[in-house]
Amino acid sequence: MFRFLFRMLGLLCMAAAFVFLIYDGTKSIAANALVYTKLSEFWTLVHAASLAQLEPYIKQHATPALWDPVTITILDAPTFVVFGIIGGVFLLIGRRKKPLIGYAR
């Protein structure tokens, strides 16, 4: 049950990464320059209030040093890269285990 859920979330994230890759690719071809959508721009379009609440939450519940180098770097990354990494992790967690050859269970 949980493996199915992780695989489904992984495939949805990979599909979103592919959609953003195509979207950024077409924008880059039209602009004759490398153009990509930052995760913070996408998050602002989806729900700006939660992005504004993220900084105080991280500074209150974790070390304040986690905000500047780590979270800012992730928010400035291309959206297709972030969704691709998250999808890959979910797919790795949800994969089926290889059967052992030569061992009886």
Protein backbone atom coordinates (compact mmCIF):
# COMPACT_ATOMS: atom_id res chain seq x y z
CA MET A 1 0.00 0.00 0.00
CA PHE A 2 2.71 2.48 0.96
CA ARG A 3 4.93 1.47 -1.94
CA PHE A 4 2.05 2.19 -4.31
CA LEU A 5 1.54 5.61 -2.73
CA PHE A 6 5.24 6.49 -2.99
CA ARG A 7 5.41 5.30 -6.59
CA MET A 8 2.31 7.29 -7.51
CA LEU A 9 3.64 10.46 -5.86
CA GLY A 10 6.98 9.90 -7.57
CA LEU A 11 5.39 9.53 -10.98
CA LEU A 12 3.24 12.62 -10.44
CA CYS A 13 6.31 14.65 -9.46
CA MET A 14 8.22 13.32 -12.47
CA ALA A 15 5.29 14.24 -14.74
CA ALA A 16 5.26 17.76 -13.25
CA ALA A 17 9.02 17.99 -13.80
CA PHE A 18 8.55 16.98 -17.43
CA VAL A 19 5.80 19.56 -17.93
CA PHE A 20 7.99 22.31 -16.48
CA LEU A 21 10.94 21.15 -18.60
CA ILE A 22 8.83 21.46 -21.76
CA TYR A 23 7.39 24.80 -20.60
CA ASP A 24 10.82 26.25 -19.85
CA GLY A 25 12.22 24.77 -23.05
CA THR A 26 9.63 26.45 -25.23
CA LYS A 27 10.16 29.76 -23.42
CA SER A 28 13.91 29.41 -23.93
CA ILE A 29 13.52 28.69 -27.63
CA ALA A 30 11.21 31.69 -28.06
CA ALA A 31 13.54 34.00 -26.15
CA ASN A 32 16.79 32.69 -27.72
CA ALA A 33 18.21 32.49 -24.20
CA LEU A 34 18.10 30.12 -21.26
CA VAL A 35 14.90 30.85 -19.34
CA TYR A 36 13.67 28.78 -16.42
CA THR A 37 10.96 29.07 -13.80
CA LYS A 38 12.27 29.33 -10.26
CA LEU A 39 10.53 27.32 -7.58
CA SER A 40 9.78 30.52 -5.65
CA GLU A 41 8.03 32.02 -8.70
CA PHE A 42 5.89 28.91 -9.12
CA TRP A 43 5.10 28.78 -5.40
CA THR A 44 4.09 32.45 -5.46
CA LEU A 45 1.67 31.75 -8.31
CA VAL A 46 0.14 28.78 -6.49
CA HIS A 47 -0.08 30.11 -2.92
CA ALA A 48 1.87 33.25 -2.00
CA ALA A 49 0.73 33.34 1.65
CA SER A 50 2.33 29.98 2.48
CA LEU A 51 5.62 31.07 0.92
CA ALA A 52 5.58 34.18 3.10
CA GLN A 53 4.97 32.04 6.19
CA LEU A 54 7.81 29.65 5.37
CA GLU A 55 10.69 31.89 6.50
CA PRO A 56 9.38 32.61 10.03
CA TYR A 57 8.43 28.94 10.44
CA ILE A 58 11.90 27.68 9.52
CA LYS A 59 13.64 30.29 11.65
CA GLN A 60 11.45 29.43 14.64
CA HIS A 61 11.46 25.61 14.42
CA ALA A 62 14.96 25.04 12.98
CA THR A 63 18.25 26.85 13.02
CA PRO A 64 18.13 30.28 11.37
CA ALA A 65 21.21 29.33 9.36
CA LEU A 66 19.08 26.74 7.55
CA TRP A 67 17.08 29.49 5.85
CA ASP A 68 19.81 31.42 4.09
CA PRO A 69 22.08 28.88 2.41
CA VAL A 70 19.78 25.87 2.09
CA THR A 71 16.21 27.06 1.58
CA ILE A 72 17.11 30.06 -0.55
CA THR A 73 19.17 27.80 -2.82
CA ILE A 74 16.26 25.39 -3.21
CA LEU A 75 13.80 28.22 -3.89
CA ASP A 76 16.11 29.69 -6.56
CA ALA A 77 16.54 26.32 -8.32
CA PRO A 78 14.63 25.50 -11.51
CA THR A 79 11.25 23.97 -10.80
CA PHE A 80 11.80 20.97 -13.06
CA VAL A 81 14.99 20.05 -11.19
CA VAL A 82 13.32 20.22 -7.77
CA PHE A 83 10.30 18.19 -8.87
CA GLY A 84 12.59 15.70 -10.62
CA ILE A 85 14.69 15.13 -7.51
CA ILE A 86 11.63 14.78 -5.27
CA GLY A 87 10.04 12.39 -7.77
CA GLY A 88 13.22 10.33 -7.99
CA VAL A 89 13.42 10.01 -4.22
CA PHE A 90 9.79 8.91 -4.01
CA LEU A 91 10.35 6.36 -6.78
CA LEU A 92 13.41 4.98 -4.99
CA ILE A 93 11.50 4.66 -1.74
CA GLY A 94 8.59 2.91 -3.47
CA ARG A 95 10.53 0.48 -5.63
CA ARG A 96 10.10 -3.23 -5.33
CA LYS A 97 12.89 -5.11 -3.68
CA LYS A 98 14.87 -7.50 -5.84
CA PRO A 99 14.38 -11.12 -4.94
CA LEU A 100 17.43 -12.81 -3.52
CA ILE A 101 18.80 -15.45 -5.85
CA GLY A 102 19.90 -18.67 -4.23
CA TYR A 103 18.53 -17.89 -0.79
CA ALA A 104 15.41 -19.42 0.70
CA ARG A 105 13.18 -17.30 2.83
